[in-house]
Amino acid sequence: MIFIYVTYPNFKTARKIIRALLEKRLVICANVFPVSSIYRWEGKIEESKETVSILKTTKSNWEKVKREIAKIHPYKIPCIVKIEAEADKKYMNWILKNLCSPNPSFP
């Protein structure tokens, strides 16, 4: 499994993108957090409030998820980062079952 870390300008945008990914069965779950970001952009140091999500999916979905986010994300250069992860067997089975099944359920 993988986690995909993504930043957004606000919760509304994060929700829109996450729901699109869930509807297409590209991710199984997302955790969403408000954050304060400090970064360098176009030669200046910027500060802003953003929203971050940690998306949960399989390694095989990485390219599809990345493309889908890039298609609808408002940032010129969105932060889309893959993080390798390992889950216990029950949770991994739930992920695999529900990314493919039209009737998801939690273990």
PDB file of N, CA and C in Angstrom:
ATOM      1  N   MET A   1       0.830  -1.177   0.000  1.00  0.00           N
ATOM      2  CA  MET A   1       0.000   0.000   0.000  1.00  0.00           C
ATOM      3  C   MET A   1       0.872   1.236   0.000  1.00  0.00           C
ATOM      4  N   ILE A   2       0.249   2.348  -0.365  1.00  0.00           N
ATOM      5  CA  ILE A   2       0.952   3.625  -0.322  1.00  0.00           C
ATOM      6  C   ILE A   2       0.040   4.680   0.296  1.00  0.00           C
ATOM      7  N   PHE A   3       0.678   5.709   0.850  1.00  0.00           N
ATOM      8  CA  PHE A   3       0.000   6.940   1.230  1.00  0.00           C
ATOM      9  C   PHE A   3       0.383   7.962   0.173  1.00  0.00           C
ATOM     10  N   ILE A   4      -0.540   8.823  -0.186  1.00  0.00           N
ATOM     11  CA  ILE A   4      -0.229   9.918  -1.098  1.00  0.00           C
ATOM     12  C   ILE A   4      -0.551  11.211  -0.356  1.00  0.00           C
ATOM     13  N   TYR A   5       0.495  12.007  -0.149  1.00  0.00           N
ATOM     14  CA  TYR A   5       0.398  13.277   0.570  1.00  0.00           C
ATOM     15  C   TYR A   5       0.131  14.370  -0.457  1.00  0.00           C
ATOM     16  N   VAL A   6      -0.950  15.146  -0.253  1.00  0.00           N
ATOM     17  CA  VAL A   6      -1.329  16.187  -1.207  1.00  0.00           C
ATOM     18  C   VAL A   6      -1.706  17.452  -0.447  1.00  0.00           C
ATOM     19  N   THR A   7      -1.271  18.614  -0.942  1.00  0.00           N
ATOM     20  CA  THR A   7      -1.696  19.891  -0.371  1.00  0.00           C
ATOM     21  C   THR A   7      -2.697  20.568  -1.300  1.00  0.00           C
ATOM     22  N   TYR A   8      -3.598  21.343  -0.690  1.00  0.00           N
ATOM     23  CA  TYR A   8      -4.659  22.051  -1.419  1.00  0.00           C
ATOM     24  C   TYR A   8      -4.789  23.466  -0.854  1.00  0.00           C
ATOM     25  N   PRO A   9      -5.407  24.367  -1.592  1.00  0.00           N
ATOM     26  CA  PRO A   9      -5.571  25.726  -1.072  1.00  0.00           C
ATOM     27  C   PRO A   9      -6.605  25.826   0.050  1.00  0.00           C
ATOM     28  N   ASN A  10      -7.550  24.853   0.122  1.00  0.00           N
ATOM     29  CA  ASN A  10      -8.597  24.911   1.144  1.00  0.00           C
ATOM     30  C   ASN A  10      -9.309  23.550   1.226  1.00  0.00           C
ATOM     31  N   PHE A  11     -10.175  23.436   2.240  1.00  0.00           N
ATOM     32  CA  PHE A  11     -10.888  22.178   2.460  1.00  0.00           C
ATOM     33  C   PHE A  11     -11.849  21.869   1.308  1.00  0.00           C
ATOM     34  N   LYS A  12     -12.513  22.893   0.778  1.00  0.00           N
ATOM     35  CA  LYS A  12     -13.477  22.679  -0.307  1.00  0.00           C
ATOM     36  C   LYS A  12     -12.823  22.011  -1.513  1.00  0.00           C
ATOM     37  N   THR A  13     -11.640  22.473  -1.885  1.00  0.00           N
ATOM     38  CA  THR A  13     -10.903  21.885  -3.012  1.00  0.00           C
ATOM     39  C   THR A  13     -10.465  20.466  -2.684  1.00  0.00           C
ATOM     40  N   ALA A  14      -9.956  20.252  -1.476  1.00  0.00           N
ATOM     41  CA  ALA A  14      -9.525  18.912  -1.057  1.00  0.00           C
ATOM     42  C   ALA A  14     -10.701  17.949  -1.137  1.00  0.00           C
ATOM     43  N   ARG A  15     -11.833  18.362  -0.612  1.00  0.00           N
ATOM     44  CA  ARG A  15     -13.029  17.513  -0.610  1.00  0.00           C
ATOM     45  C   ARG A  15     -13.449  17.152  -2.031  1.00  0.00           C
ATOM     46  N   LYS A  16     -13.445  18.114  -2.920  1.00  0.00           N
ATOM     47  CA  LYS A  16     -13.839  17.878  -4.317  1.00  0.00           C
ATOM     48  C   LYS A  16     -12.933  16.826  -4.977  1.00  0.00           C
ATOM     49  N   ILE A  17     -11.631  16.984  -4.807  1.00  0.00           N
ATOM     50  CA  ILE A  17     -10.670  16.060  -5.424  1.00  0.00           C
ATOM     51  C   ILE A  17     -10.748  14.683  -4.780  1.00  0.00           C
ATOM     52  N   ILE A  18     -10.826  14.643  -3.464  1.00  0.00           N
ATOM     53  CA  ILE A  18     -10.895  13.356  -2.758  1.00  0.00           C
ATOM     54  C   ILE A  18     -12.158  12.590  -3.143  1.00  0.00           C
ATOM     55  N   ARG A  19     -13.280  13.263  -3.202  1.00  0.00           N
ATOM     56  CA  ARG A  19     -14.532  12.593  -3.592  1.00  0.00           C
ATOM     57  C   ARG A  19     -14.438  12.040  -5.016  1.00  0.00           C
ATOM     58  N   ALA A  20     -13.806  12.781  -5.922  1.00  0.00           N
ATOM     59  CA  ALA A  20     -13.625  12.291  -7.300  1.00  0.00           C
ATOM     60  C   ALA A  20     -12.785  11.019  -7.304  1.00  0.00           C
ATOM     61  N   LEU A  21     -11.730  10.991  -6.496  1.00  0.00           N
ATOM     62  CA  LEU A  21     -10.864   9.810  -6.410  1.00  0.00           C
ATOM     63  C   LEU A  21     -11.608   8.622  -5.796  1.00  0.00           C
ATOM     64  N   LEU A  22     -12.410   8.881  -4.768  1.00  0.00           N
ATOM     65  CA  LEU A  22     -13.198   7.819  -4.139  1.00  0.00           C
ATOM     66  C   LEU A  22     -14.246   7.270  -5.107  1.00  0.00           C
ATOM     67  N   GLU A  23     -14.914   8.140  -5.820  1.00  0.00           N
ATOM     68  CA  GLU A  23     -15.934   7.697  -6.769  1.00  0.00           C
ATOM     69  C   GLU A  23     -15.347   6.826  -7.879  1.00  0.00           C
ATOM     70  N   LYS A  24     -14.110   7.111  -8.287  1.00  0.00           N
ATOM     71  CA  LYS A  24     -13.452   6.319  -9.322  1.00  0.00           C
ATOM     72  C   LYS A  24     -12.731   5.103  -8.743  1.00  0.00           C
ATOM     73  N   ARG A  25     -12.861   4.895  -7.432  1.00  0.00           N
ATOM     74  CA  ARG A  25     -12.219   3.777  -6.726  1.00  0.00           C
ATOM     75  C   ARG A  25     -10.690   3.773  -6.878  1.00  0.00           C
ATOM     76  N   LEU A  26     -10.120   4.966  -6.905  1.00  0.00           N
ATOM     77  CA  LEU A  26      -8.668   5.084  -7.002  1.00  0.00           C
ATOM     78  C   LEU A  26      -8.022   5.148  -5.620  1.00  0.00           C
ATOM     79  N   VAL A  27      -8.779   5.585  -4.618  1.00  0.00           N
ATOM     80  CA  VAL A  27      -8.317   5.591  -3.231  1.00  0.00           C
ATOM     81  C   VAL A  27      -9.409   4.978  -2.374  1.00  0.00           C
ATOM     82  N   ILE A  28      -9.030   4.503  -1.203  1.00  0.00           N
ATOM     83  CA  ILE A  28      -9.988   3.874  -0.297  1.00  0.00           C
ATOM     84  C   ILE A  28     -10.375   4.801   0.842  1.00  0.00           C
ATOM     85  N   CYS A  29      -9.517   5.759   1.164  1.00  0.00           N
ATOM     86  CA  CYS A  29      -9.729   6.593   2.343  1.00  0.00           C
ATOM     87  C   CYS A  29      -8.824   7.817   2.257  1.00  0.00           C
ATOM     88  N   ALA A  30      -9.239   8.888   2.928  1.00  0.00           N
ATOM     89  CA  ALA A  30      -8.391  10.084   3.015  1.00  0.00           C
ATOM     90  C   ALA A  30      -8.523  10.684   4.408  1.00  0.00           C
ATOM     91  N   ASN A  31      -7.411  11.126   4.952  1.00  0.00           N
ATOM     92  CA  ASN A  31      -7.401  11.906   6.184  1.00  0.00           C
ATOM     93  C   ASN A  31      -7.078  13.334   5.768  1.00  0.00           C
ATOM     94  N   VAL A  32      -7.807  14.293   6.331  1.00  0.00           N
ATOM     95  CA  VAL A  32      -7.677  15.688   5.903  1.00  0.00           C
ATOM     96  C   VAL A  32      -7.364  16.562   7.118  1.00  0.00           C
ATOM     97  N   PHE A  33      -6.371  17.459   6.958  1.00  0.00           N
ATOM     98  CA  PHE A  33      -5.905  18.301   8.058  1.00  0.00           C
ATOM     99  C   PHE A  33      -5.696  19.750   7.599  1.00  0.00           C
ATOM    100  N   PRO A  34      -6.024  20.719   8.435  1.00  0.00           N
ATOM    101  CA  PRO A  34      -5.622  22.093   8.146  1.00  0.00           C
ATOM    102  C   PRO A  34      -4.149  22.268   8.544  1.00  0.00           C
ATOM    103  N   VAL A  35      -3.381  23.010   7.767  1.00  0.00           N
ATOM    104  CA  VAL A  35      -1.966  23.247   8.080  1.00  0.00           C
ATOM    105  C   VAL A  35      -1.576  24.684   7.755  1.00  0.00           C
ATOM    106  N   SER A  36      -0.489  25.126   8.361  1.00  0.00           N
ATOM    107  CA  SER A  36       0.139  26.388   7.988  1.00  0.00           C
ATOM    108  C   SER A  36       1.382  26.022   7.202  1.00  0.00           C
ATOM    109  N   SER A  37       1.537  26.606   6.022  1.00  0.00           N
ATOM    110  CA  SER A  37       2.679  26.284   5.173  1.00  0.00           C
ATOM    111  C   SER A  37       3.578  27.504   4.985  1.00  0.00           C
ATOM    112  N   ILE A  38       4.877  27.249   5.010  1.00  0.00           N
ATOM    113  CA  ILE A  38       5.879  28.275   4.720  1.00  0.00           C
ATOM    114  C   ILE A  38       6.750  27.693   3.622  1.00  0.00           C
ATOM    115  N   TYR A  39       6.869  28.402   2.500  1.00  0.00           N
ATOM    116  CA  TYR A  39       7.548  27.837   1.335  1.00  0.00           C
ATOM    117  C   TYR A  39       8.124  28.935   0.450  1.00  0.00           C
ATOM    118  N   ARG A  40       9.018  28.528  -0.405  1.00  0.00           N
ATOM    119  CA  ARG A  40       9.600  29.459  -1.374  1.00  0.00           C
ATOM    120  C   ARG A  40       8.813  29.325  -2.680  1.00  0.00           C
ATOM    121  N   TRP A  41       8.342  30.472  -3.212  1.00  0.00           N
ATOM    122  CA  TRP A  41       7.586  30.473  -4.464  1.00  0.00           C
ATOM    123  C   TRP A  41       7.963  31.711  -5.275  1.00  0.00           C
ATOM    124  N   GLU A  42       8.420  31.478  -6.481  1.00  0.00           N
ATOM    125  CA  GLU A  42       8.799  32.544  -7.411  1.00  0.00           C
ATOM    126  C   GLU A  42       9.728  33.567  -6.766  1.00  0.00           C
ATOM    127  N   GLY A  43      10.752  33.047  -6.083  1.00  0.00           N
ATOM    128  CA  GLY A  43      11.800  33.888  -5.516  1.00  0.00           C
ATOM    129  C   GLY A  43      11.491  34.515  -4.170  1.00  0.00           C
ATOM    130  N   LYS A  44      10.322  34.259  -3.607  1.00  0.00           N
ATOM    131  CA  LYS A  44       9.955  34.847  -2.322  1.00  0.00           C
ATOM    132  C   LYS A  44       9.545  33.758  -1.341  1.00  0.00           C
ATOM    133  N   ILE A  45       9.693  34.068  -0.061  1.00  0.00           N
ATOM    134  CA  ILE A  45       9.197  33.172   0.975  1.00  0.00           C
ATOM    135  C   ILE A  45       7.752  33.557   1.255  1.00  0.00           C
ATOM    136  N   GLU A  46       6.875  32.571   1.136  1.00  0.00           N
ATOM    137  CA  GLU A  46       5.433  32.777   1.309  1.00  0.00           C
ATOM    138  C   GLU A  46       4.940  32.013   2.533  1.00  0.00           C
ATOM    139  N   GLU A  47       3.830  32.471   3.084  1.00  0.00           N
ATOM    140  CA  GLU A  47       3.150  31.765   4.163  1.00  0.00           C
ATOM    141  C   GLU A  47       1.667  31.724   3.828  1.00  0.00           C
ATOM    142  N   SER A  48       1.037  30.566   4.039  1.00  0.00           N
ATOM    143  CA  SER A  48      -0.392  30.465   3.772  1.00  0.00           C
ATOM    144  C   SER A  48      -1.014  29.340   4.581  1.00  0.00           C
ATOM    145  N   LYS A  49      -2.321  29.411   4.706  1.00  0.00           N
ATOM    146  CA  LYS A  49      -3.090  28.310   5.282  1.00  0.00           C
ATOM    147  C   LYS A  49      -3.424  27.380   4.132  1.00  0.00           C
ATOM    148  N   GLU A  50      -3.251  26.092   4.345  1.00  0.00           N
ATOM    149  CA  GLU A  50      -3.575  25.100   3.332  1.00  0.00           C
ATOM    150  C   GLU A  50      -4.302  23.942   4.009  1.00  0.00           C
ATOM    151  N   THR A  51      -4.726  23.013   3.186  1.00  0.00           N
ATOM    152  CA  THR A  51      -5.300  21.762   3.655  1.00  0.00           C
ATOM    153  C   THR A  51      -4.449  20.638   3.086  1.00  0.00           C
ATOM    154  N   VAL A  52      -4.184  19.625   3.906  1.00  0.00           N
ATOM    155  CA  VAL A  52      -3.384  18.471   3.494  1.00  0.00           C
ATOM    156  C   VAL A  52      -4.247  17.226   3.569  1.00  0.00           C
ATOM    157  N   SER A  53      -4.036  16.314   2.623  1.00  0.00           N
ATOM    158  CA  SER A  53      -4.677  15.013   2.748  1.00  0.00           C
ATOM    159  C   SER A  53      -3.632  13.925   2.668  1.00  0.00           C
ATOM    160  N   ILE A  54      -3.924  12.845   3.357  1.00  0.00           N
ATOM    161  CA  ILE A  54      -3.156  11.618   3.211  1.00  0.00           C
ATOM    162  C   ILE A  54      -4.138  10.609   2.623  1.00  0.00           C
ATOM    163  N   LEU A  55      -3.891  10.258   1.376  1.00  0.00           N
ATOM    164  CA  LEU A  55      -4.749   9.320   0.655  1.00  0.00           C
ATOM    165  C   LEU A  55      -4.189   7.919   0.821  1.00  0.00           C
ATOM    166  N   LYS A  56      -5.056   6.931   0.942  1.00  0.00           N
ATOM    167  CA  LYS A  56      -4.627   5.537   1.092  1.00  0.00           C
ATOM    168  C   LYS A  56      -5.069   4.756  -0.140  1.00  0.00           C
ATOM    169  N   THR A  57      -4.115   4.054  -0.736  1.00  0.00           N
ATOM    170  CA  THR A  57      -4.413   3.277  -1.930  1.00  0.00           C
ATOM    171  C   THR A  57      -3.338   2.207  -2.137  1.00  0.00           C
ATOM    172  N   THR A  58      -3.393   1.568  -3.275  1.00  0.00           N
ATOM    173  CA  THR A  58      -2.406   0.541  -3.617  1.00  0.00           C
ATOM    174  C   THR A  58      -1.320   1.136  -4.520  1.00  0.00           C
ATOM    175  N   LYS A  59      -0.168   0.487  -4.541  1.00  0.00           N
ATOM    176  CA  LYS A  59       0.931   0.924  -5.403  1.00  0.00           C
ATOM    177  C   LYS A  59       0.501   0.957  -6.866  1.00  0.00           C
ATOM    178  N   SER A  60      -0.332   0.009  -7.258  1.00  0.00           N
ATOM    179  CA  SER A  60      -0.749  -0.068  -8.662  1.00  0.00           C
ATOM    180  C   SER A  60      -1.619   1.119  -9.089  1.00  0.00           C
ATOM    181  N   ASN A  61      -2.184   1.841  -8.131  1.00  0.00           N
ATOM    182  CA  ASN A  61      -3.013   3.003  -8.466  1.00  0.00           C
ATOM    183  C   ASN A  61      -2.242   4.325  -8.510  1.00  0.00           C
ATOM    184  N   TRP A  62      -0.979   4.314  -8.137  1.00  0.00           N
ATOM    185  CA  TRP A  62      -0.185   5.541  -8.028  1.00  0.00           C
ATOM    186  C   TRP A  62      -0.254   6.420  -9.276  1.00  0.00           C
ATOM    187  N   GLU A  63       0.042   5.900 -10.426  1.00  0.00           N
ATOM    188  CA  GLU A  63       0.071   6.718 -11.648  1.00  0.00           C
ATOM    189  C   GLU A  63      -1.305   7.287 -11.974  1.00  0.00           C
ATOM    190  N   LYS A  64      -2.347   6.478 -11.806  1.00  0.00           N
ATOM    191  CA  LYS A  64      -3.714   6.934 -12.092  1.00  0.00           C
ATOM    192  C   LYS A  64      -4.134   8.043 -11.121  1.00  0.00           C
ATOM    193  N   VAL A  65      -3.825   7.869  -9.847  1.00  0.00           N
ATOM    194  CA  VAL A  65      -4.176   8.876  -8.843  1.00  0.00           C
ATOM    195  C   VAL A  65      -3.438  10.180  -9.130  1.00  0.00           C
ATOM    196  N   LYS A  66      -2.159  10.062  -9.389  1.00  0.00           N
ATOM    197  CA  LYS A  66      -1.337  11.250  -9.679  1.00  0.00           C
ATOM    198  C   LYS A  66      -1.902  12.017 -10.877  1.00  0.00           C
ATOM    199  N   ARG A  67      -2.241  11.318 -11.953  1.00  0.00           N
ATOM    200  CA  ARG A  67      -2.801  11.968 -13.157  1.00  0.00           C
ATOM    201  C   ARG A  67      -4.142  12.627 -12.863  1.00  0.00           C
ATOM    202  N   GLU A  68      -4.988  11.931 -12.122  1.00  0.00           N
ATOM    203  CA  GLU A  68      -6.324  12.462 -11.814  1.00  0.00           C
ATOM    204  C   GLU A  68      -6.222  13.730 -10.968  1.00  0.00           C
ATOM    205  N   ILE A  69      -5.367  13.712  -9.967  1.00  0.00           N
ATOM    206  CA  ILE A  69      -5.186  14.900  -9.129  1.00  0.00           C
ATOM    207  C   ILE A  69      -4.666  16.059  -9.981  1.00  0.00           C
ATOM    208  N   ALA A  70      -3.646  15.816 -10.772  1.00  0.00           N
ATOM    209  CA  ALA A  70      -3.057  16.868 -11.606  1.00  0.00           C
ATOM    210  C   ALA A  70      -4.077  17.483 -12.569  1.00  0.00           C
ATOM    211  N   LYS A  71      -5.019  16.662 -13.058  1.00  0.00           N
ATOM    212  CA  LYS A  71      -6.044  17.154 -13.989  1.00  0.00           C
ATOM    213  C   LYS A  71      -6.963  18.187 -13.350  1.00  0.00           C
ATOM    214  N   ILE A  72      -7.298  18.007 -12.076  1.00  0.00           N
ATOM    215  CA  ILE A  72      -8.309  18.865 -11.471  1.00  0.00           C
ATOM    216  C   ILE A  72      -7.794  19.777 -10.358  1.00  0.00           C
ATOM    217  N   HIS A  73      -6.522  19.676 -10.020  1.00  0.00           N
ATOM    218  CA  HIS A  73      -5.945  20.488  -8.942  1.00  0.00           C
ATOM    219  C   HIS A  73      -5.706  21.910  -9.433  1.00  0.00           C
ATOM    220  N   PRO A  74      -6.053  22.923  -8.615  1.00  0.00           N
ATOM    221  CA  PRO A  74      -5.882  24.306  -9.055  1.00  0.00           C
ATOM    222  C   PRO A  74      -4.445  24.839  -9.008  1.00  0.00           C
ATOM    223  N   TYR A  75      -3.545  24.197  -8.253  1.00  0.00           N
ATOM    224  CA  TYR A  75      -2.172  24.697  -8.174  1.00  0.00           C
ATOM    225  C   TYR A  75      -1.440  24.459  -9.489  1.00  0.00           C
ATOM    226  N   LYS A  76      -0.575  25.399  -9.823  1.00  0.00           N
ATOM    227  CA  LYS A  76       0.278  25.281 -11.012  1.00  0.00           C
ATOM    228  C   LYS A  76       1.197  24.061 -10.874  1.00  0.00           C
ATOM    229  N   ILE A  77       1.740  23.867  -9.675  1.00  0.00           N
ATOM    230  CA  ILE A  77       2.615  22.726  -9.374  1.00  0.00           C
ATOM    231  C   ILE A  77       2.107  22.094  -8.069  1.00  0.00           C
ATOM    232  N   PRO A  78       1.146  21.181  -8.166  1.00  0.00           N
ATOM    233  CA  PRO A  78       0.618  20.591  -6.925  1.00  0.00           C
ATOM    234  C   PRO A  78       1.625  19.647  -6.264  1.00  0.00           C
ATOM    235  N   CYS A  79       1.571  19.622  -4.940  1.00  0.00           N
ATOM    236  CA  CYS A  79       2.386  18.683  -4.161  1.00  0.00           C
ATOM    237  C   CYS A  79       1.644  17.352  -4.133  1.00  0.00           C
ATOM    238  N   ILE A  80       2.201  16.359  -4.806  1.00  0.00           N
ATOM    239  CA  ILE A  80       1.623  15.009  -4.838  1.00  0.00           C
ATOM    240  C   ILE A  80       2.790  14.056  -4.560  1.00  0.00           C
ATOM    241  N   VAL A  81       2.858  13.529  -3.344  1.00  0.00           N
ATOM    242  CA  VAL A  81       4.017  12.753  -2.916  1.00  0.00           C
ATOM    243  C   VAL A  81       3.594  11.350  -2.497  1.00  0.00           C
ATOM    244  N   LYS A  82       4.261  10.340  -3.035  1.00  0.00           N
ATOM    245  CA  LYS A  82       3.999   8.941  -2.689  1.00  0.00           C
ATOM    246  C   LYS A  82       4.875   8.536  -1.510  1.00  0.00           C
ATOM    247  N   ILE A  83       4.259   7.864  -0.534  1.00  0.00           N
ATOM    248  CA  ILE A  83       4.963   7.354   0.638  1.00  0.00           C
ATOM    249  C   ILE A  83       4.652   5.864   0.747  1.00  0.00           C
ATOM    250  N   GLU A  84       5.673   5.036   0.672  1.00  0.00           N
ATOM    251  CA  GLU A  84       5.492   3.587   0.799  1.00  0.00           C
ATOM    252  C   GLU A  84       5.055   3.263   2.222  1.00  0.00           C
ATOM    253  N   ALA A  85       4.105   2.351   2.360  1.00  0.00           N
ATOM    254  CA  ALA A  85       3.597   1.973   3.677  1.00  0.00           C
ATOM    255  C   ALA A  85       3.281   0.481   3.690  1.00  0.00           C
ATOM    256  N   GLU A  86       3.166  -0.050   4.888  1.00  0.00           N
ATOM    257  CA  GLU A  86       2.782  -1.444   5.065  1.00  0.00           C
ATOM    258  C   GLU A  86       1.617  -1.488   6.030  1.00  0.00           C
ATOM    259  N   ALA A  87       0.620  -2.282   5.727  1.00  0.00           N
ATOM    260  CA  ALA A  87      -0.554  -2.400   6.598  1.00  0.00           C
ATOM    261  C   ALA A  87      -0.673  -3.827   7.112  1.00  0.00           C
ATOM    262  N   ASP A  88      -1.378  -3.979   8.232  1.00  0.00           N
ATOM    263  CA  ASP A  88      -1.616  -5.344   8.688  1.00  0.00           C
ATOM    264  C   ASP A  88      -2.554  -6.029   7.697  1.00  0.00           C
ATOM    265  N   LYS A  89      -2.611  -7.344   7.783  1.00  0.00           N
ATOM    266  CA  LYS A  89      -3.312  -8.149   6.780  1.00  0.00           C
ATOM    267  C   LYS A  89      -4.799  -7.796   6.672  1.00  0.00           C
ATOM    268  N   LYS A  90      -5.482  -7.620   7.805  1.00  0.00           N
ATOM    269  CA  LYS A  90      -6.913  -7.310   7.768  1.00  0.00           C
ATOM    270  C   LYS A  90      -7.177  -5.981   7.056  1.00  0.00           C
ATOM    271  N   TYR A  91      -6.400  -4.970   7.398  1.00  0.00           N
ATOM    272  CA  TYR A  91      -6.600  -3.653   6.787  1.00  0.00           C
ATOM    273  C   TYR A  91      -6.272  -3.700   5.297  1.00  0.00           C
ATOM    274  N   MET A  92      -5.214  -4.386   4.946  1.00  0.00           N
ATOM    275  CA  MET A  92      -4.829  -4.496   3.534  1.00  0.00           C
ATOM    276  C   MET A  92      -5.899  -5.244   2.744  1.00  0.00           C
ATOM    277  N   ASN A  93      -6.453  -6.302   3.313  1.00  0.00           N
ATOM    278  CA  ASN A  93      -7.534  -7.032   2.653  1.00  0.00           C
ATOM    279  C   ASN A  93      -8.746  -6.137   2.437  1.00  0.00           C
ATOM    280  N   TRP A  94      -9.067  -5.313   3.434  1.00  0.00           N
ATOM    281  CA  TRP A  94     -10.179  -4.362   3.313  1.00  0.00           C
ATOM    282  C   TRP A  94      -9.929  -3.386   2.160  1.00  0.00           C
ATOM    283  N   ILE A  95      -8.702  -2.872   2.072  1.00  0.00           N
ATOM    284  CA  ILE A  95      -8.344  -1.953   0.980  1.00  0.00           C
ATOM    285  C   ILE A  95      -8.539  -2.640  -0.366  1.00  0.00           C
ATOM    286  N   LEU A  96      -7.943  -3.801  -0.519  1.00  0.00           N
ATOM    287  CA  LEU A  96      -8.014  -4.508  -1.804  1.00  0.00           C
ATOM    288  C   LEU A  96      -9.452  -4.859  -2.169  1.00  0.00           C
ATOM    289  N   LYS A  97     -10.209  -5.352  -1.214  1.00  0.00           N
ATOM    290  CA  LYS A  97     -11.593  -5.729  -1.467  1.00  0.00           C
ATOM    291  C   LYS A  97     -12.429  -4.527  -1.894  1.00  0.00           C
ATOM    292  N   ASN A  98     -12.256  -3.409  -1.221  1.00  0.00           N
ATOM    293  CA  ASN A  98     -13.123  -2.264  -1.437  1.00  0.00           C
ATOM    294  C   ASN A  98     -12.701  -1.341  -2.573  1.00  0.00           C
ATOM    295  N   LEU A  99     -11.484  -1.456  -3.029  1.00  0.00           N
ATOM    296  CA  LEU A  99     -11.114  -0.702  -4.224  1.00  0.00           C
ATOM    297  C   LEU A  99     -11.705  -1.373  -5.460  1.00  0.00           C
ATOM    298  N   CYS A 100     -12.044  -2.637  -5.344  1.00  0.00           N
ATOM    299  CA  CYS A 100     -12.590  -3.383  -6.484  1.00  0.00           C
ATOM    300  C   CYS A 100     -14.084  -3.656  -6.358  1.00  0.00           C
ATOM    301  N   SER A 101     -14.612  -3.647  -5.158  1.00  0.00           N
ATOM    302  CA  SER A 101     -16.002  -4.044  -4.921  1.00  0.00           C
ATOM    303  C   SER A 101     -16.953  -2.846  -4.915  1.00  0.00           C
ATOM    304  N   PRO A 102     -18.125  -2.984  -5.508  1.00  0.00           N
ATOM    305  CA  PRO A 102     -19.099  -1.897  -5.467  1.00  0.00           C
ATOM    306  C   PRO A 102     -19.810  -1.759  -4.122  1.00  0.00           C
ATOM    307  N   ASN A 103     -19.644  -2.719  -3.222  1.00  0.00           N
ATOM    308  CA  ASN A 103     -20.307  -2.683  -1.907  1.00  0.00           C
ATOM    309  C   ASN A 103     -19.283  -2.711  -0.776  1.00  0.00           C
ATOM    310  N   PRO A 104     -18.620  -1.560  -0.508  1.00  0.00           N
ATOM    311  CA  PRO A 104     -17.565  -1.543   0.491  1.00  0.00           C
ATOM    312  C   PRO A 104     -18.087  -1.767   1.917  1.00  0.00           C
ATOM    313  N   SER A 105     -17.212  -2.326   2.736  1.00  0.00           N
ATOM    314  CA  SER A 105     -17.521  -2.482   4.159  1.00  0.00           C
ATOM    315  C   SER A 105     -16.209  -2.416   4.935  1.00  0.00           C
ATOM    316  N   PHE A 106     -16.303  -2.045   6.168  1.00  0.00           N
ATOM    317  CA  PHE A 106     -15.104  -1.964   6.996  1.00  0.00           C
ATOM    318  C   PHE A 106     -14.975  -3.276   7.761  1.00  0.00           C
ATOM    319  N   PRO A 107     -13.735  -3.740   7.968  1.00  0.00           N
ATOM    320  CA  PRO A 107     -13.557  -5.023   8.668  1.00  0.00           C
ATOM    321  C   PRO A 107     -14.131  -5.034  10.063  1.00  0.00           C
TER     322      PRO A 107
END
